[in-house]
Amino acid sequence: MSKRLLIVVVEPDPDRAQPIADGLRDTGDHDIRIIAEQSGLARQVADLRPDVVLIDIANPSRDILEELALASGPSERPVAMFVDRSDEGLTRAAIEAGISAYVVDGLRPERLKPVLDAAIARFHIFQQMRAELAATRAALEERKIIDRAKAVLMKARGIDEEAAYALLRKSAMDQGKRLADIAQQLVMAAGLLGR
């Protein structure tokens, strides 16, 4: 954690919250905000727009985890959760809620920096994987549209697949548009014409 971060600490007990905030300040010059009230957590976190959320809860419930899922939005920010004890169901629920680090056996100041570093790194890895998956899905959808457009041209013009692709590509180049956009227009026009 080399840059200055806005870190939200969710801790209802002020006697536990202050040592956590102090421990975080020891890791760097960070802006630390403490949220003590867990009701409306999603709204409070959304209003602050932190870089990282750190949650210290002795025994998390499913309701709290659902609220955290709304608060953290797995694609928005890394979330580290420290719990005193857990069970398999709650661990799974925490991961499904988008928690980047789920640490059992409570929070100790010497564990703050490595856990937050790991949560941030894991968050960025998953964010990159989500972006790559979205790009792959988009490319697959474009490929399907191009294949449909080739089929329309093959049927309408009585040409083979290679010639249909060449015609699509030439049209895209002539119009200065992407091949997938030309293919989409052709498929839409064919649909309107009932072909």
N, C-alpha and C. Protein backbone atom coordinates (compact mmCIF):
# COMPACT_ATOMS: atom_id res chain seq x y z
N MET A 1 0.85 -1.19 0.00
CA MET A 1 0.00 0.00 0.00
C MET A 1 0.88 1.24 0.00
N SER A 2 1.31 1.67 -1.14
CA SER A 2 2.21 2.81 -1.20
C SER A 2 1.47 4.13 -1.38
N LYS A 3 0.34 4.13 -2.07
CA LYS A 3 -0.38 5.39 -2.25
C LYS A 3 -1.35 5.61 -1.10
N ARG A 4 -1.78 6.83 -0.95
CA ARG A 4 -2.73 7.19 0.11
C ARG A 4 -4.10 6.63 -0.25
N LEU A 5 -4.67 5.86 0.65
CA LEU A 5 -5.95 5.22 0.42
C LEU A 5 -7.01 5.76 1.37
N LEU A 6 -8.24 5.76 0.89
CA LEU A 6 -9.38 6.01 1.78
C LEU A 6 -9.85 4.63 2.22
N ILE A 7 -9.69 4.34 3.50
CA ILE A 7 -10.04 3.03 4.04
C ILE A 7 -11.20 3.20 5.01
N VAL A 8 -12.25 2.44 4.76
CA VAL A 8 -13.40 2.43 5.66
C VAL A 8 -13.27 1.22 6.58
N VAL A 9 -13.39 1.46 7.86
CA VAL A 9 -13.36 0.40 8.86
C VAL A 9 -14.77 0.24 9.41
N VAL A 10 -15.33 -0.95 9.25
CA VAL A 10 -16.66 -1.24 9.79
C VAL A 10 -16.45 -1.98 11.11
N GLU A 11 -16.71 -1.27 12.20
CA GLU A 11 -16.52 -1.83 13.54
C GLU A 11 -17.47 -1.13 14.50
N PRO A 12 -18.46 -1.86 15.03
CA PRO A 12 -19.43 -1.22 15.93
C PRO A 12 -18.87 -0.85 17.30
N ASP A 13 -17.81 -1.48 17.73
CA ASP A 13 -17.26 -1.24 19.07
C ASP A 13 -16.13 -0.20 18.98
N PRO A 14 -16.34 1.01 19.57
CA PRO A 14 -15.32 2.06 19.49
C PRO A 14 -13.98 1.65 20.12
N ASP A 15 -14.03 0.78 21.16
CA ASP A 15 -12.79 0.34 21.80
C ASP A 15 -11.97 -0.57 20.89
N ARG A 16 -12.63 -1.24 19.95
CA ARG A 16 -11.91 -2.06 18.97
C ARG A 16 -11.57 -1.26 17.73
N ALA A 17 -12.40 -0.27 17.39
CA ALA A 17 -12.20 0.51 16.16
C ALA A 17 -10.95 1.38 16.22
N GLN A 18 -10.70 2.00 17.36
CA GLN A 18 -9.57 2.93 17.46
C GLN A 18 -8.22 2.24 17.26
N PRO A 19 -7.95 1.09 17.90
CA PRO A 19 -6.67 0.42 17.63
C PRO A 19 -6.52 -0.02 16.16
N ILE A 20 -7.62 -0.37 15.53
CA ILE A 20 -7.57 -0.73 14.10
C ILE A 20 -7.16 0.49 13.28
N ALA A 21 -7.82 1.62 13.54
CA ALA A 21 -7.49 2.85 12.82
C ALA A 21 -6.03 3.24 13.05
N ASP A 22 -5.58 3.13 14.30
CA ASP A 22 -4.18 3.45 14.61
C ASP A 22 -3.23 2.51 13.87
N GLY A 23 -3.57 1.22 13.84
CA GLY A 23 -2.74 0.24 13.13
C GLY A 23 -2.67 0.54 11.64
N LEU A 24 -3.78 0.97 11.07
CA LEU A 24 -3.79 1.34 9.65
C LEU A 24 -2.96 2.58 9.38
N ARG A 25 -3.00 3.52 10.28
CA ARG A 25 -2.19 4.73 10.11
C ARG A 25 -0.70 4.40 10.18
N ASP A 26 -0.35 3.35 10.93
CA ASP A 26 1.04 2.92 11.01
C ASP A 26 1.52 2.32 9.68
N THR A 27 0.59 1.87 8.83
CA THR A 27 0.97 1.27 7.55
C THR A 27 1.17 2.32 6.46
N GLY A 28 0.75 3.54 6.72
CA GLY A 28 0.89 4.60 5.74
C GLY A 28 -0.01 5.78 6.06
N ASP A 29 0.13 6.84 5.29
CA ASP A 29 -0.67 8.05 5.50
C ASP A 29 -2.01 7.89 4.80
N HIS A 30 -2.92 7.16 5.45
CA HIS A 30 -4.22 6.86 4.85
C HIS A 30 -5.32 7.66 5.53
N ASP A 31 -6.38 7.90 4.77
CA ASP A 31 -7.58 8.54 5.30
C ASP A 31 -8.45 7.42 5.83
N ILE A 32 -8.64 7.34 7.14
CA ILE A 32 -9.37 6.26 7.78
C ILE A 32 -10.72 6.78 8.24
N ARG A 33 -11.79 6.11 7.84
CA ARG A 33 -13.14 6.45 8.29
C ARG A 33 -13.73 5.23 8.99
N ILE A 34 -14.38 5.45 10.10
CA ILE A 34 -14.97 4.35 10.86
C ILE A 34 -16.49 4.42 10.75
N ILE A 35 -17.07 3.27 10.40
CA ILE A 35 -18.53 3.14 10.38
C ILE A 35 -18.90 2.21 11.52
N ALA A 36 -19.64 2.73 12.47
CA ALA A 36 -20.04 1.93 13.63
C ALA A 36 -21.42 1.32 13.43
N GLU A 37 -22.27 2.00 12.71
CA GLU A 37 -23.65 1.53 12.51
C GLU A 37 -23.72 0.62 11.29
N GLN A 38 -24.13 -0.63 11.50
CA GLN A 38 -24.14 -1.59 10.40
C GLN A 38 -25.42 -1.54 9.58
N SER A 39 -26.49 -0.97 10.10
CA SER A 39 -27.69 -0.85 9.28
C SER A 39 -27.45 0.26 8.26
N GLY A 40 -27.86 0.02 7.04
CA GLY A 40 -27.62 0.98 5.97
C GLY A 40 -26.16 1.03 5.55
N LEU A 41 -25.45 -0.07 5.78
CA LEU A 41 -24.02 -0.13 5.47
C LEU A 41 -23.74 0.14 3.99
N ALA A 42 -24.57 -0.42 3.13
CA ALA A 42 -24.37 -0.25 1.68
C ALA A 42 -24.40 1.24 1.31
N ARG A 43 -25.37 1.95 1.83
CA ARG A 43 -25.47 3.38 1.52
C ARG A 43 -24.29 4.15 2.07
N GLN A 44 -23.89 3.83 3.31
CA GLN A 44 -22.77 4.54 3.93
C GLN A 44 -21.48 4.34 3.14
N VAL A 45 -21.23 3.10 2.74
CA VAL A 45 -20.01 2.82 1.97
C VAL A 45 -20.09 3.49 0.60
N ALA A 46 -21.26 3.41 -0.05
CA ALA A 46 -21.42 4.04 -1.36
C ALA A 46 -21.18 5.55 -1.28
N ASP A 47 -21.65 6.17 -0.20
CA ASP A 47 -21.46 7.61 -0.03
C ASP A 47 -19.98 7.98 0.12
N LEU A 48 -19.23 7.15 0.83
CA LEU A 48 -17.81 7.45 1.07
C LEU A 48 -16.92 7.09 -0.13
N ARG A 49 -17.33 6.09 -0.92
CA ARG A 49 -16.55 5.62 -2.08
C ARG A 49 -15.09 5.33 -1.71
N PRO A 50 -14.88 4.43 -0.75
CA PRO A 50 -13.51 4.16 -0.31
C PRO A 50 -12.73 3.33 -1.31
N ASP A 51 -11.41 3.31 -1.11
CA ASP A 51 -10.53 2.44 -1.91
C ASP A 51 -10.58 1.01 -1.38
N VAL A 52 -10.72 0.89 -0.06
CA VAL A 52 -10.70 -0.42 0.61
C VAL A 52 -11.71 -0.38 1.76
N VAL A 53 -12.37 -1.53 1.98
CA VAL A 53 -13.26 -1.67 3.14
C VAL A 53 -12.68 -2.76 4.02
N LEU A 54 -12.55 -2.46 5.30
CA LEU A 54 -12.06 -3.43 6.28
C LEU A 54 -13.17 -3.65 7.30
N ILE A 55 -13.55 -4.89 7.49
CA ILE A 55 -14.66 -5.20 8.39
C ILE A 55 -14.14 -6.10 9.50
N ASP A 56 -14.44 -5.70 10.73
CA ASP A 56 -14.07 -6.50 11.89
C ASP A 56 -15.36 -6.90 12.59
N ILE A 57 -15.75 -8.16 12.44
CA ILE A 57 -16.99 -8.64 13.02
C ILE A 57 -16.70 -9.96 13.73
N ALA A 58 -17.06 -10.03 14.99
CA ALA A 58 -16.79 -11.24 15.77
C ALA A 58 -17.48 -12.45 15.14
N ASN A 59 -18.78 -12.36 14.94
CA ASN A 59 -19.56 -13.47 14.38
C ASN A 59 -20.50 -12.94 13.31
N PRO A 60 -20.06 -12.96 12.05
CA PRO A 60 -20.91 -12.42 10.99
C PRO A 60 -22.15 -13.28 10.77
N SER A 61 -23.25 -12.63 10.45
CA SER A 61 -24.47 -13.34 10.10
C SER A 61 -24.66 -13.25 8.59
N ARG A 62 -25.57 -14.06 8.07
CA ARG A 62 -25.87 -14.00 6.63
C ARG A 62 -26.44 -12.64 6.24
N ASP A 63 -27.22 -12.03 7.14
CA ASP A 63 -27.78 -10.70 6.86
C ASP A 63 -26.67 -9.67 6.68
N ILE A 64 -25.67 -9.73 7.54
CA ILE A 64 -24.55 -8.80 7.42
C ILE A 64 -23.79 -9.04 6.12
N LEU A 65 -23.60 -10.32 5.76
CA LEU A 65 -22.90 -10.63 4.52
C LEU A 65 -23.68 -10.15 3.30
N GLU A 66 -25.00 -10.26 3.32
CA GLU A 66 -25.81 -9.76 2.21
C GLU A 66 -25.68 -8.24 2.11
N GLU A 67 -25.68 -7.57 3.25
CA GLU A 67 -25.51 -6.12 3.27
C GLU A 67 -24.12 -5.76 2.72
N LEU A 68 -23.13 -6.57 3.07
CA LEU A 68 -21.77 -6.32 2.58
C LEU A 68 -21.69 -6.53 1.07
N ALA A 69 -22.42 -7.50 0.57
CA ALA A 69 -22.43 -7.72 -0.89
C ALA A 69 -22.96 -6.47 -1.58
N LEU A 70 -23.98 -5.86 -1.02
CA LEU A 70 -24.50 -4.61 -1.58
C LEU A 70 -23.49 -3.48 -1.39
N ALA A 71 -22.83 -3.47 -0.24
CA ALA A 71 -21.90 -2.38 0.07
C ALA A 71 -20.63 -2.46 -0.76
N SER A 72 -20.10 -3.67 -0.91
CA SER A 72 -18.80 -3.77 -1.56
C SER A 72 -18.92 -3.89 -3.05
N GLY A 73 -19.99 -4.50 -3.55
CA GLY A 73 -20.07 -4.72 -4.98
C GLY A 73 -18.75 -5.28 -5.45
N PRO A 74 -18.64 -6.58 -5.65
CA PRO A 74 -17.35 -7.22 -5.87
C PRO A 74 -16.47 -6.55 -6.92
N SER A 75 -17.08 -5.81 -7.84
CA SER A 75 -16.25 -5.18 -8.86
C SER A 75 -15.86 -3.76 -8.50
N GLU A 76 -16.27 -3.26 -7.34
CA GLU A 76 -16.02 -1.87 -7.02
C GLU A 76 -14.77 -1.64 -6.17
N ARG A 77 -14.54 -2.50 -5.17
CA ARG A 77 -13.42 -2.24 -4.26
C ARG A 77 -13.05 -3.50 -3.49
N PRO A 78 -11.79 -3.60 -3.06
CA PRO A 78 -11.40 -4.73 -2.22
C PRO A 78 -12.00 -4.63 -0.82
N VAL A 79 -12.38 -5.78 -0.29
CA VAL A 79 -12.96 -5.85 1.06
C VAL A 79 -12.23 -6.94 1.82
N ALA A 80 -11.73 -6.59 3.01
CA ALA A 80 -11.11 -7.57 3.89
C ALA A 80 -11.98 -7.71 5.12
N MET A 81 -12.27 -8.95 5.50
CA MET A 81 -13.12 -9.20 6.65
C MET A 81 -12.35 -10.02 7.67
N PHE A 82 -12.37 -9.54 8.90
CA PHE A 82 -11.75 -10.24 10.01
C PHE A 82 -12.86 -10.74 10.93
N VAL A 83 -12.86 -12.05 11.19
CA VAL A 83 -13.87 -12.64 12.06
C VAL A 83 -13.18 -13.44 13.16
N ASP A 84 -13.84 -13.57 14.30
CA ASP A 84 -13.26 -14.36 15.39
C ASP A 84 -13.40 -15.85 15.13
N ARG A 85 -14.52 -16.25 14.54
CA ARG A 85 -14.72 -17.65 14.19
C ARG A 85 -15.68 -17.72 13.02
N SER A 86 -15.67 -18.85 12.36
CA SER A 86 -16.49 -18.98 11.17
C SER A 86 -16.86 -20.43 10.96
N ASP A 87 -17.77 -20.64 10.04
CA ASP A 87 -18.07 -22.00 9.61
C ASP A 87 -18.03 -22.01 8.08
N GLU A 88 -18.09 -23.20 7.51
CA GLU A 88 -17.95 -23.35 6.06
C GLU A 88 -18.99 -22.54 5.29
N GLY A 89 -20.23 -22.55 5.78
CA GLY A 89 -21.30 -21.82 5.10
C GLY A 89 -21.05 -20.32 5.07
N LEU A 90 -20.59 -19.77 6.18
CA LEU A 90 -20.33 -18.33 6.22
C LEU A 90 -19.11 -17.96 5.39
N THR A 91 -18.12 -18.83 5.38
CA THR A 91 -16.94 -18.56 4.54
C THR A 91 -17.35 -18.49 3.08
N ARG A 92 -18.14 -19.47 2.65
CA ARG A 92 -18.62 -19.49 1.26
C ARG A 92 -19.47 -18.25 0.97
N ALA A 93 -20.37 -17.91 1.89
CA ALA A 93 -21.22 -16.72 1.71
C ALA A 93 -20.38 -15.45 1.61
N ALA A 94 -19.31 -15.37 2.39
CA ALA A 94 -18.42 -14.20 2.35
C ALA A 94 -17.74 -14.09 0.99
N ILE A 95 -17.27 -15.20 0.48
CA ILE A 95 -16.62 -15.19 -0.83
C ILE A 95 -17.61 -14.82 -1.92
N GLU A 96 -18.82 -15.38 -1.84
CA GLU A 96 -19.86 -15.05 -2.82
C GLU A 96 -20.28 -13.58 -2.72
N ALA A 97 -20.14 -13.00 -1.54
CA ALA A 97 -20.48 -11.58 -1.35
C ALA A 97 -19.41 -10.67 -1.93
N GLY A 98 -18.28 -11.22 -2.36
CA GLY A 98 -17.23 -10.41 -2.95
C GLY A 98 -16.12 -10.02 -2.00
N ILE A 99 -16.02 -10.69 -0.87
CA ILE A 99 -14.97 -10.40 0.09
C ILE A 99 -13.63 -10.84 -0.52
N SER A 100 -12.65 -9.95 -0.54
CA SER A 100 -11.35 -10.27 -1.13
C SER A 100 -10.46 -11.05 -0.18
N ALA A 101 -10.61 -10.80 1.13
CA ALA A 101 -9.82 -11.53 2.13
C ALA A 101 -10.74 -11.81 3.31
N TYR A 102 -10.79 -13.07 3.72
CA TYR A 102 -11.64 -13.51 4.83
C TYR A 102 -10.71 -14.15 5.85
N VAL A 103 -10.45 -13.44 6.94
CA VAL A 103 -9.44 -13.86 7.91
C VAL A 103 -10.12 -14.28 9.20
N VAL A 104 -9.93 -15.56 9.55
CA VAL A 104 -10.51 -16.09 10.77
C VAL A 104 -9.48 -15.94 11.89
N ASP A 105 -9.94 -15.79 13.10
CA ASP A 105 -9.13 -15.62 14.30
C ASP A 105 -8.84 -14.16 14.56
N GLY A 106 -9.78 -13.32 14.17
CA GLY A 106 -9.74 -11.92 14.56
C GLY A 106 -8.66 -11.08 13.91
N LEU A 107 -8.66 -9.84 14.30
CA LEU A 107 -7.77 -8.86 13.73
C LEU A 107 -6.67 -8.51 14.72
N ARG A 108 -5.45 -8.60 14.24
CA ARG A 108 -4.32 -8.15 15.05
C ARG A 108 -3.56 -7.12 14.22
N PRO A 109 -3.08 -6.06 14.87
CA PRO A 109 -2.43 -4.97 14.13
C PRO A 109 -1.30 -5.43 13.19
N GLU A 110 -0.52 -6.42 13.61
CA GLU A 110 0.59 -6.86 12.76
C GLU A 110 0.12 -7.57 11.50
N ARG A 111 -1.14 -7.96 11.46
CA ARG A 111 -1.69 -8.64 10.28
C ARG A 111 -2.33 -7.68 9.29
N LEU A 112 -2.54 -6.44 9.69
CA LEU A 112 -3.27 -5.50 8.84
C LEU A 112 -2.63 -5.31 7.47
N LYS A 113 -1.39 -4.92 7.44
CA LYS A 113 -0.76 -4.60 6.16
C LYS A 113 -0.70 -5.79 5.22
N PRO A 114 -0.22 -6.97 5.65
CA PRO A 114 -0.17 -8.07 4.69
C PRO A 114 -1.56 -8.51 4.21
N VAL A 115 -2.54 -8.47 5.09
CA VAL A 115 -3.89 -8.87 4.67
C VAL A 115 -4.47 -7.85 3.69
N LEU A 116 -4.31 -6.58 3.97
CA LEU A 116 -4.82 -5.56 3.05
C LEU A 116 -4.09 -5.60 1.72
N ASP A 117 -2.78 -5.79 1.75
CA ASP A 117 -2.02 -5.93 0.49
C ASP A 117 -2.54 -7.11 -0.32
N ALA A 118 -2.78 -8.24 0.36
CA ALA A 118 -3.29 -9.44 -0.33
C ALA A 118 -4.70 -9.19 -0.87
N ALA A 119 -5.55 -8.53 -0.10
CA ALA A 119 -6.92 -8.25 -0.54
C ALA A 119 -6.91 -7.35 -1.78
N ILE A 120 -6.06 -6.34 -1.76
CA ILE A 120 -5.97 -5.43 -2.91
C ILE A 120 -5.45 -6.16 -4.14
N ALA A 121 -4.40 -6.96 -3.95
CA ALA A 121 -3.84 -7.72 -5.08
C ALA A 121 -4.86 -8.69 -5.64
N ARG A 122 -5.55 -9.41 -4.77
CA ARG A 122 -6.55 -10.38 -5.23
C ARG A 122 -7.69 -9.67 -5.95
N PHE A 123 -8.11 -8.53 -5.42
CA PHE A 123 -9.18 -7.76 -6.05
C PHE A 123 -8.77 -7.38 -7.48
N HIS A 124 -7.54 -6.90 -7.66
CA HIS A 124 -7.09 -6.48 -8.98
C HIS A 124 -6.98 -7.67 -9.94
N ILE A 125 -6.57 -8.82 -9.44
CA ILE A 125 -6.50 -10.02 -10.28
C ILE A 125 -7.90 -10.41 -10.76
N PHE A 126 -8.86 -10.43 -9.84
CA PHE A 126 -10.23 -10.78 -10.21
C PHE A 126 -10.84 -9.73 -11.13
N GLN A 127 -10.52 -8.48 -10.91
CA GLN A 127 -11.02 -7.41 -11.78
C GLN A 127 -10.49 -7.61 -13.21
N GLN A 128 -9.22 -7.97 -13.33
CA GLN A 128 -8.63 -8.23 -14.65
C GLN A 128 -9.29 -9.44 -15.30
N MET A 129 -9.54 -10.49 -14.51
CA MET A 129 -10.18 -11.69 -15.04
C MET A 129 -11.60 -11.37 -15.52
N ARG A 130 -12.34 -10.54 -14.76
CA ARG A 130 -13.69 -10.16 -15.18
C ARG A 130 -13.64 -9.37 -16.49
N ALA A 131 -12.67 -8.48 -16.63
CA ALA A 131 -12.54 -7.69 -17.85
C ALA A 131 -12.21 -8.59 -19.04
N GLU A 132 -11.32 -9.56 -18.84
CA GLU A 132 -10.97 -10.48 -19.91
C GLU A 132 -12.16 -11.36 -20.29
N LEU A 133 -12.92 -11.80 -19.31
CA LEU A 133 -14.10 -12.60 -19.59
C LEU A 133 -15.12 -11.79 -20.38
N ALA A 134 -15.34 -10.55 -19.99
CA ALA A 134 -16.29 -9.70 -20.70
C ALA A 134 -15.83 -9.47 -22.14
N ALA A 135 -14.53 -9.26 -22.34
CA ALA A 135 -14.00 -9.07 -23.70
C ALA A 135 -14.16 -10.33 -24.53
N THR A 136 -13.95 -11.48 -23.92
CA THR A 136 -14.10 -12.75 -24.63
C THR A 136 -15.55 -12.97 -25.02
N ARG A 137 -16.47 -12.68 -24.10
CA ARG A 137 -17.90 -12.82 -24.42
C ARG A 137 -18.30 -11.88 -25.55
N ALA A 138 -17.81 -10.65 -25.50
CA ALA A 138 -18.14 -9.69 -26.55
C ALA A 138 -17.60 -10.15 -27.90
N ALA A 139 -16.38 -10.68 -27.90
CA ALA A 139 -15.79 -11.18 -29.15
C ALA A 139 -16.60 -12.36 -29.70
N LEU A 140 -17.06 -13.23 -28.81
CA LEU A 140 -17.87 -14.37 -29.23
C LEU A 140 -19.19 -13.90 -29.83
N GLU A 141 -19.82 -12.92 -29.20
CA GLU A 141 -21.08 -12.38 -29.73
C GLU A 141 -20.85 -11.74 -31.10
N GLU A 142 -19.74 -11.01 -31.26
CA GLU A 142 -19.43 -10.41 -32.55
C GLU A 142 -19.22 -11.49 -33.61
N ARG A 143 -18.55 -12.56 -33.21
CA ARG A 143 -18.30 -13.66 -34.15
C ARG A 143 -19.61 -14.28 -34.62
N LYS A 144 -20.55 -14.43 -33.70
CA LYS A 144 -21.87 -14.99 -34.05
C LYS A 144 -22.60 -14.08 -35.04
N ILE A 145 -22.55 -12.77 -34.80
CA ILE A 145 -23.20 -11.81 -35.69
C ILE A 145 -22.56 -11.86 -37.08
N ILE A 146 -21.24 -11.92 -37.11
CA ILE A 146 -20.54 -11.99 -38.40
C ILE A 146 -20.91 -13.27 -39.14
N ASP A 147 -21.01 -14.38 -38.43
CA ASP A 147 -21.40 -15.64 -39.06
C ASP A 147 -22.82 -15.55 -39.62
N ARG A 148 -23.73 -14.91 -38.87
CA ARG A 148 -25.11 -14.74 -39.37
C ARG A 148 -25.12 -13.86 -40.62
N ALA A 149 -24.33 -12.80 -40.58
CA ALA A 149 -24.28 -11.90 -41.74
C ALA A 149 -23.72 -12.62 -42.96
N LYS A 150 -22.70 -13.45 -42.75
CA LYS A 150 -22.15 -14.22 -43.87
C LYS A 150 -23.23 -15.15 -44.44
N ALA A 151 -24.00 -15.77 -43.57
CA ALA A 151 -25.07 -16.67 -44.02
C ALA A 151 -26.11 -15.91 -44.84
N VAL A 152 -26.46 -14.71 -44.41
CA VAL A 152 -27.42 -13.89 -45.16
C VAL A 152 -26.87 -13.59 -46.55
N LEU A 153 -25.61 -13.17 -46.62
CA LEU A 153 -25.00 -12.85 -47.92
C LEU A 153 -24.87 -14.08 -48.80
N MET A 154 -24.50 -15.20 -48.20
CA MET A 154 -24.35 -16.43 -48.98
C MET A 154 -25.68 -16.81 -49.62
N LYS A 155 -26.76 -16.69 -48.88
CA LYS A 155 -28.08 -17.06 -49.39
C LYS A 155 -28.57 -16.04 -50.42
N ALA A 156 -28.43 -14.75 -50.10
CA ALA A 156 -28.95 -13.69 -50.98
C ALA A 156 -28.16 -13.58 -52.28
N ARG A 157 -26.86 -13.79 -52.23
CA ARG A 157 -26.02 -13.59 -53.42
C ARG A 157 -25.56 -14.89 -54.07
N GLY A 158 -25.81 -15.98 -53.39
CA GLY A 158 -25.37 -17.27 -53.95
C GLY A 158 -23.85 -17.38 -54.00
N ILE A 159 -23.18 -16.90 -52.95
CA ILE A 159 -21.71 -16.93 -52.90
C ILE A 159 -21.26 -17.83 -51.76
N ASP A 160 -19.98 -18.18 -51.78
CA ASP A 160 -19.46 -19.03 -50.70
C ASP A 160 -19.08 -18.18 -49.49
N GLU A 161 -18.69 -18.87 -48.42
CA GLU A 161 -18.41 -18.20 -47.15
C GLU A 161 -17.24 -17.22 -47.26
N GLU A 162 -16.21 -17.61 -47.99
CA GLU A 162 -15.04 -16.74 -48.14
C GLU A 162 -15.39 -15.45 -48.86
N ALA A 163 -16.20 -15.56 -49.90
CA ALA A 163 -16.62 -14.37 -50.65
C ALA A 163 -17.53 -13.49 -49.79
N ALA A 164 -18.39 -14.11 -48.99
CA ALA A 164 -19.28 -13.34 -48.12
C ALA A 164 -18.46 -12.56 -47.09
N TYR A 165 -17.44 -13.21 -46.54
CA TYR A 165 -16.59 -12.53 -45.56
C TYR A 165 -15.83 -11.37 -46.23
N ALA A 166 -15.31 -11.60 -47.42
CA ALA A 166 -14.58 -10.55 -48.14
C ALA A 166 -15.51 -9.36 -48.43
N LEU A 167 -16.77 -9.64 -48.78
CA LEU A 167 -17.72 -8.57 -49.05
C LEU A 167 -18.02 -7.76 -47.79
N LEU A 168 -18.19 -8.45 -46.68
CA LEU A 168 -18.40 -7.76 -45.40
C LEU A 168 -17.20 -6.88 -45.05
N ARG A 169 -16.02 -7.46 -45.20
CA ARG A 169 -14.80 -6.73 -44.85
C ARG A 169 -14.62 -5.50 -45.73
N LYS A 170 -14.86 -5.65 -47.03
CA LYS A 170 -14.73 -4.51 -47.95
C LYS A 170 -15.73 -3.42 -47.59
N SER A 171 -16.95 -3.81 -47.28
CA SER A 171 -17.98 -2.84 -46.91
C SER A 171 -17.58 -2.08 -45.64
N ALA A 172 -17.03 -2.80 -44.67
CA ALA A 172 -16.58 -2.17 -43.42
C ALA A 172 -15.46 -1.18 -43.70
N MET A 173 -14.52 -1.57 -44.53
CA MET A 173 -13.39 -0.68 -44.85
C MET A 173 -13.88 0.55 -45.63
N ASP A 174 -14.76 0.34 -46.59
CA ASP A 174 -15.27 1.45 -47.40
C ASP A 174 -16.03 2.47 -46.54
N GLN A 175 -16.74 1.98 -45.52
CA GLN A 175 -17.54 2.87 -44.68
C GLN A 175 -16.80 3.34 -43.44
N GLY A 176 -15.58 2.82 -43.22
CA GLY A 176 -14.80 3.19 -42.04
C GLY A 176 -15.44 2.72 -40.75
N LYS A 177 -16.07 1.57 -40.80
CA LYS A 177 -16.73 1.01 -39.63
C LYS A 177 -16.12 -0.34 -39.28
N ARG A 178 -16.45 -0.80 -38.09
CA ARG A 178 -15.99 -2.13 -37.66
C ARG A 178 -16.79 -3.20 -38.40
N LEU A 179 -16.12 -4.30 -38.66
CA LEU A 179 -16.75 -5.43 -39.36
C LEU A 179 -18.00 -5.90 -38.61
N ALA A 180 -17.92 -5.97 -37.29
CA ALA A 180 -19.05 -6.43 -36.49
C ALA A 180 -20.24 -5.47 -36.61
N ASP A 181 -19.98 -4.17 -36.73
CA ASP A 181 -21.06 -3.19 -36.87
C ASP A 181 -21.78 -3.36 -38.21
N ILE A 182 -21.00 -3.56 -39.28
CA ILE A 182 -21.59 -3.79 -40.61
C ILE A 182 -22.40 -5.08 -40.59
N ALA A 183 -21.86 -6.12 -39.96
CA ALA A 183 -22.56 -7.40 -39.87
C ALA A 183 -23.88 -7.23 -39.11
N GLN A 184 -23.86 -6.47 -38.02
CA GLN A 184 -25.07 -6.23 -37.23
C GLN A 184 -26.12 -5.51 -38.06
N GLN A 185 -25.70 -4.51 -38.81
CA GLN A 185 -26.64 -3.77 -39.67
C GLN A 185 -27.25 -4.69 -40.72
N LEU A 186 -26.44 -5.55 -41.30
CA LEU A 186 -26.93 -6.47 -42.33
C LEU A 186 -27.92 -7.47 -41.74
N VAL A 187 -27.61 -8.01 -40.57
CA VAL A 187 -28.51 -8.97 -39.93
C VAL A 187 -29.83 -8.29 -39.57
N MET A 188 -29.77 -7.06 -39.08
CA MET A 188 -30.99 -6.33 -38.74
C MET A 188 -31.83 -6.05 -40.00
N ALA A 189 -31.16 -5.63 -41.07
CA ALA A 189 -31.88 -5.33 -42.32
C ALA A 189 -32.52 -6.61 -42.87
N ALA A 190 -31.79 -7.72 -42.80
CA ALA A 190 -32.33 -8.99 -43.29
C ALA A 190 -33.55 -9.40 -42.45
N GLY A 191 -33.49 -9.13 -41.16
CA GLY A 191 -34.63 -9.43 -40.29
C GLY A 191 -35.84 -8.61 -40.66
N LEU A 192 -35.61 -7.33 -40.98
CA LEU A 192 -36.73 -6.46 -41.38
C LEU A 192 -37.33 -6.90 -42.71
N LEU A 193 -36.47 -7.40 -43.59
CA LEU A 193 -36.93 -7.84 -44.91
C LEU A 193 -37.45 -9.28 -44.88
N GLY A 194 -37.32 -9.92 -43.74
CA GLY A 194 -37.82 -11.30 -43.62
C GLY A 194 -36.96 -12.32 -44.34
N ARG A 195 -35.66 -12.08 -44.38
CA ARG A 195 -34.76 -13.02 -45.08
C ARG A 195 -33.97 -13.84 -44.09
